[in-house]
Amino acid sequence: MSQRAAIVTGATSGIGQAVARALAEEGHALTLTARRADRLDAVVAELRGEGFAVHAVPAELQEDGAAARVVDGHRERWGRLDVLVNNAGVGRGAAVAETTQADLDLQLAVNLRTPILLYREAIGLLRAGAREHRNALVVNVASVTGVYGEPWLSVYAATKAGLINWTESMHRELSAEGVKSTALCPGFVDTPSRDPAAGAPDPTAMMTPDDIAEAVRFLLRVSPACCVPRMELVRPGERMA
């Protein structure tokens, strides 16, 4: 049994895959979840091939019961939880007049509802880890759009703003018990899900998923007396709150 264990959602590419690797390198047994089982199996096989302890639970996280199934699968495999990374997210760009109910509901479900449900399902395991070392950690991957809004990404920005506020609420509710919550708020990151037509900068001028993973690595290493409720990661010259 590993001494530490983590769950990472949206783990098959980009930020999620980079964070999963960082956690594995830091000695965590992993449960990885994502929508595409074939891609998830490939990531798991790669990490296992390097000697890391990894378990896969494919899931459509917006579906009822999915959060509970992921946490139950993790509990059965590893028996403990020290880090939860809510990375799975969906962005649909549209003007307000062209926003469909399907896109609205999907973004609300994946970007905001799912992290809330994962907290609820995982809190017992996180509290158990916190009683042991007072350094349990939940990382919610938000966005700078959740800090200052963005036209044509208004629903996405609203969900990320809600996630930032939820993180602050969980910081105030749980951090005294040793369960820390951090909202990571990156600007443009060069990931496979990035839409080149959406006005993003050239990839050579963008942050990398490894930049975000290194932020998570930092959060793992601070003392129990240090909480970081929000962290903004921006490119040179990029707007800040």
Protein backbone atom coordinates (compact mmCIF):
# COMPACT_ATOMS: atom_id res chain seq x y z
CA MET A 1 0.00 0.00 0.00
CA SER A 2 1.37 3.40 -1.02
CA GLN A 3 2.00 5.99 1.69
CA ARG A 4 0.11 8.64 -0.35
CA ALA A 5 -2.57 8.44 -3.02
CA ALA A 6 -4.26 10.87 -5.42
CA ILE A 7 -7.18 11.17 -7.83
CA VAL A 8 -6.79 13.20 -11.04
CA THR A 9 -9.74 13.92 -13.32
CA GLY A 10 -9.33 14.75 -16.99
CA ALA A 11 -6.03 12.90 -16.91
CA THR A 12 -5.52 11.80 -20.51
CA SER A 13 -3.75 14.86 -21.92
CA GLY A 14 -2.50 18.35 -21.25
CA ILE A 15 -2.62 19.63 -17.69
CA GLY A 16 -4.19 16.48 -16.24
CA GLN A 17 -1.58 14.16 -17.70
CA ALA A 18 1.28 16.43 -16.60
CA VAL A 19 -0.11 16.70 -13.06
CA ALA A 20 -0.60 12.93 -12.88
CA ARG A 21 3.03 12.36 -13.79
CA ALA A 22 4.22 14.90 -11.21
CA LEU A 23 2.15 13.24 -8.49
CA ALA A 24 3.48 9.81 -9.46
CA GLU A 25 7.04 11.13 -9.33
CA GLU A 26 6.29 12.51 -5.86
CA GLY A 27 5.35 9.02 -4.67
CA HIS A 28 1.57 8.99 -4.98
CA ALA A 29 -0.43 6.00 -6.12
CA LEU A 30 -2.90 7.28 -8.68
CA THR A 31 -6.48 6.87 -9.74
CA LEU A 32 -6.94 8.54 -13.11
CA THR A 33 -10.29 9.22 -14.69
CA ALA A 34 -11.37 10.60 -18.04
CA ARG A 35 -14.12 10.21 -20.59
CA ARG A 36 -12.19 8.27 -23.26
CA ALA A 37 -11.32 4.80 -21.99
CA ASP A 38 -8.87 4.13 -24.83
CA ARG A 39 -6.85 7.27 -24.12
CA LEU A 40 -7.00 6.63 -20.39
CA ASP A 41 -5.66 3.11 -20.86
CA ALA A 42 -2.76 4.47 -22.92
CA VAL A 43 -1.76 6.97 -20.23
CA VAL A 44 -2.06 4.33 -17.51
CA ALA A 45 0.03 1.86 -19.51
CA GLU A 46 2.74 4.47 -20.05
CA LEU A 47 2.97 5.33 -16.35
CA ARG A 48 2.83 1.70 -15.25
CA GLY A 49 5.60 0.94 -17.71
CA GLU A 50 7.77 3.40 -15.80
CA GLY A 51 7.04 1.63 -12.52
CA PHE A 52 4.32 3.91 -11.14
CA ALA A 53 1.22 2.63 -9.32
CA VAL A 54 -1.78 3.68 -11.40
CA HIS A 55 -5.45 2.70 -11.52
CA ALA A 56 -8.00 3.76 -14.14
CA VAL A 57 -11.70 4.52 -13.68
CA PRO A 58 -13.24 5.73 -16.97
CA ALA A 59 -16.20 8.02 -16.37
CA GLU A 60 -18.50 10.57 -17.96
CA LEU A 61 -18.25 12.85 -14.96
CA GLN A 62 -21.41 14.81 -15.75
CA GLU A 63 -23.52 11.69 -15.29
CA ASP A 64 -25.32 11.00 -12.03
CA GLY A 65 -23.32 8.69 -9.79
CA ALA A 66 -20.04 9.13 -11.67
CA ALA A 67 -18.25 11.02 -8.88
CA ALA A 68 -19.21 8.39 -6.32
CA ARG A 69 -18.05 5.61 -8.65
CA VAL A 70 -14.64 7.23 -9.13
CA VAL A 71 -14.09 7.70 -5.40
CA ASP A 72 -15.37 4.22 -4.58
CA GLY A 73 -13.02 2.72 -7.15
CA HIS A 74 -10.13 4.67 -5.70
CA ARG A 75 -11.00 3.62 -2.14
CA GLU A 76 -11.20 -0.04 -3.10
CA ARG A 77 -7.83 0.09 -4.91
CA TRP A 78 -5.74 2.29 -2.63
CA GLY A 79 -7.60 2.69 0.66
CA ARG A 80 -6.60 6.30 1.24
CA LEU A 81 -6.68 9.73 -0.42
CA ASP A 82 -4.26 12.60 0.12
CA VAL A 83 -4.68 14.66 -3.06
CA LEU A 84 -7.69 15.33 -5.28
CA VAL A 85 -7.13 17.22 -8.53
CA ASN A 86 -10.32 18.46 -10.18
CA ASN A 87 -8.92 19.11 -13.63
CA ALA A 88 -11.65 17.89 -16.01
CA GLY A 89 -13.24 20.81 -17.80
CA VAL A 90 -15.24 21.75 -20.87
CA GLY A 91 -15.17 25.06 -22.73
CA ARG A 92 -17.65 26.04 -25.41
CA GLY A 93 -17.13 29.43 -27.01
CA ALA A 94 -20.23 31.27 -28.20
CA ALA A 95 -21.90 34.65 -28.12
CA VAL A 96 -24.69 34.82 -25.58
CA ALA A 97 -27.36 34.80 -28.29
CA GLU A 98 -25.90 31.58 -29.71
CA THR A 99 -25.40 29.70 -26.44
CA THR A 100 -27.29 26.41 -26.54
CA GLN A 101 -28.84 24.82 -23.49
CA ALA A 102 -26.84 21.64 -24.14
CA ASP A 103 -23.53 23.52 -24.03
CA LEU A 104 -24.65 25.49 -20.98
CA ASP A 105 -25.68 22.37 -19.07
CA LEU A 106 -22.53 20.44 -20.00
CA GLN A 107 -20.18 23.20 -18.82
CA LEU A 108 -22.07 23.69 -15.57
CA ALA A 109 -22.08 19.94 -14.94
CA VAL A 110 -18.43 19.19 -15.69
CA ASN A 111 -16.75 22.42 -14.57
CA LEU A 112 -18.69 23.13 -11.38
CA ARG A 113 -21.12 20.40 -10.34
CA THR A 114 -18.58 17.58 -10.65
CA PRO A 115 -15.91 19.14 -8.37
CA ILE A 116 -18.58 19.80 -5.73
CA LEU A 117 -19.74 16.19 -5.87
CA LEU A 118 -16.17 14.88 -5.75
CA TYR A 119 -15.54 16.89 -2.58
CA ARG A 120 -18.65 15.39 -1.06
CA GLU A 121 -17.72 11.84 -1.98
CA ALA A 122 -14.04 12.17 -1.03
CA ILE A 123 -14.24 14.21 2.15
CA GLY A 124 -14.09 11.21 4.48
CA LEU A 125 -10.87 9.96 2.88
CA LEU A 126 -9.38 13.46 2.77
CA ARG A 127 -10.15 14.03 6.45
CA ALA A 128 -8.52 10.71 7.31
CA GLY A 129 -5.36 11.79 5.49
CA ALA A 130 -5.47 15.18 7.17
CA ARG A 131 -5.67 13.57 10.60
CA GLU A 132 -2.46 11.75 9.75
CA HIS A 133 -0.37 14.59 8.29
CA ARG A 134 -2.54 17.76 8.15
CA ASN A 135 -1.60 18.29 4.52
CA ALA A 136 -4.45 16.82 2.47
CA LEU A 137 -4.87 18.83 -0.71
CA VAL A 138 -7.60 19.53 -3.24
CA VAL A 139 -6.51 21.37 -6.38
CA ASN A 140 -9.27 22.85 -8.52
CA VAL A 141 -8.05 23.81 -11.98
CA ALA A 142 -9.92 27.04 -12.70
CA SER A 143 -8.86 29.81 -15.09
CA VAL A 144 -8.02 33.50 -15.17
CA THR A 145 -11.29 33.86 -17.08
CA GLY A 146 -12.98 33.06 -13.78
CA VAL A 147 -11.27 36.08 -12.24
CA TYR A 148 -12.11 38.77 -14.80
CA GLY A 149 -14.51 37.22 -17.33
CA GLU A 150 -14.12 36.85 -21.06
CA PRO A 151 -16.46 37.61 -23.97
CA TRP A 152 -17.62 34.62 -26.02
CA LEU A 153 -16.43 32.37 -23.19
CA SER A 154 -18.98 33.73 -20.75
CA VAL A 155 -20.44 30.43 -19.57
CA TYR A 156 -17.02 28.85 -19.19
CA ALA A 157 -15.82 31.93 -17.30
CA ALA A 158 -18.88 31.84 -15.04
CA THR A 159 -18.27 28.19 -14.15
CA LYS A 160 -14.64 28.93 -13.34
CA ALA A 161 -15.66 31.92 -11.22
CA GLY A 162 -18.00 29.60 -9.34
CA LEU A 163 -15.17 27.10 -8.90
CA ILE A 164 -12.87 29.79 -7.50
CA ASN A 165 -15.56 30.86 -5.03
CA TRP A 166 -16.25 27.23 -4.10
CA THR A 167 -12.54 26.77 -3.44
CA GLU A 168 -12.48 29.77 -1.13
CA SER A 169 -15.50 28.40 0.71
CA MET A 170 -13.83 25.01 1.12
CA HIS A 171 -10.64 26.70 2.31
CA ARG A 172 -12.61 28.42 5.05
CA GLU A 173 -14.63 25.30 5.88
CA LEU A 174 -11.93 22.63 5.85
CA SER A 175 -8.40 24.07 6.09
CA ALA A 176 -8.41 24.18 9.91
CA GLU A 177 -8.81 20.40 9.77
CA GLY A 178 -5.78 20.04 7.49
CA VAL A 179 -7.71 19.71 4.21
CA LYS A 180 -6.37 22.48 1.98
CA SER A 181 -8.04 23.81 -1.18
CA THR A 182 -6.33 25.70 -3.98
CA ALA A 183 -7.80 27.18 -7.14
CA LEU A 184 -5.19 27.22 -9.90
CA CYS A 185 -6.02 30.01 -12.35
CA PRO A 186 -3.84 29.76 -15.47
CA GLY A 187 -4.03 31.93 -18.54
CA PHE A 188 -3.52 30.36 -21.95
CA VAL A 189 -1.85 26.96 -21.73
CA ASP A 190 -0.77 25.03 -24.81
CA THR A 191 -2.96 21.92 -24.51
CA PRO A 192 -4.55 19.60 -27.09
CA SER A 193 -7.99 21.03 -26.27
CA ARG A 194 -6.95 24.56 -27.18
CA ASP A 195 -8.87 25.98 -30.14
CA PRO A 196 -6.36 27.72 -32.49
CA ALA A 197 -9.19 29.82 -33.90
CA ALA A 198 -10.25 31.16 -30.51
CA GLY A 199 -7.74 33.99 -30.43
CA ALA A 200 -5.12 32.26 -28.32
CA PRO A 201 -1.48 33.29 -28.75
CA ASP A 202 1.09 31.30 -30.65
CA PRO A 203 2.00 28.09 -28.75
CA THR A 204 5.63 29.21 -28.41
CA ALA A 205 4.38 32.14 -26.31
CA MET A 206 2.11 30.01 -24.11
CA MET A 207 2.56 28.27 -20.80
CA THR A 208 2.99 24.51 -20.86
CA PRO A 209 1.12 21.83 -18.91
CA ASP A 210 4.37 21.18 -17.04
CA ASP A 211 4.21 24.74 -15.69
CA ILE A 212 0.89 23.89 -14.05
CA ALA A 213 2.21 20.55 -12.82
CA GLU A 214 5.12 22.32 -11.14
CA ALA A 215 2.63 24.55 -9.32
CA VAL A 216 0.99 21.42 -7.94
CA ARG A 217 4.38 20.07 -6.93
CA PHE A 218 4.97 23.29 -4.97
CA LEU A 219 1.65 22.89 -3.18
CA LEU A 220 2.64 19.37 -2.12
CA ARG A 221 5.80 20.66 -0.47
CA VAL A 222 4.59 23.55 1.67
CA SER A 223 4.19 22.97 5.40
CA PRO A 224 0.84 22.27 7.08
CA ALA A 225 0.92 25.89 8.27
CA CYS A 226 0.85 27.24 4.69
CA CYS A 227 -2.35 27.47 2.64
CA VAL A 228 -2.60 28.86 -0.90
CA PRO A 229 -6.32 29.36 -1.64
CA ARG A 230 -5.70 30.83 -5.12
CA MET A 231 -2.77 30.90 -7.50
CA GLU A 232 -2.74 32.81 -10.79
CA LEU A 233 -0.34 31.74 -13.53
CA VAL A 234 -0.06 34.15 -16.43
CA ARG A 235 2.20 34.82 -19.38
CA PRO A 236 4.47 37.89 -19.48
CA GLY A 237 2.29 40.96 -19.96
CA GLU A 238 -0.94 39.02 -19.56
CA ARG A 239 -3.78 40.58 -17.61
CA MET A 240 -4.01 39.89 -13.88
CA ALA A 241 -6.89 40.44 -11.47
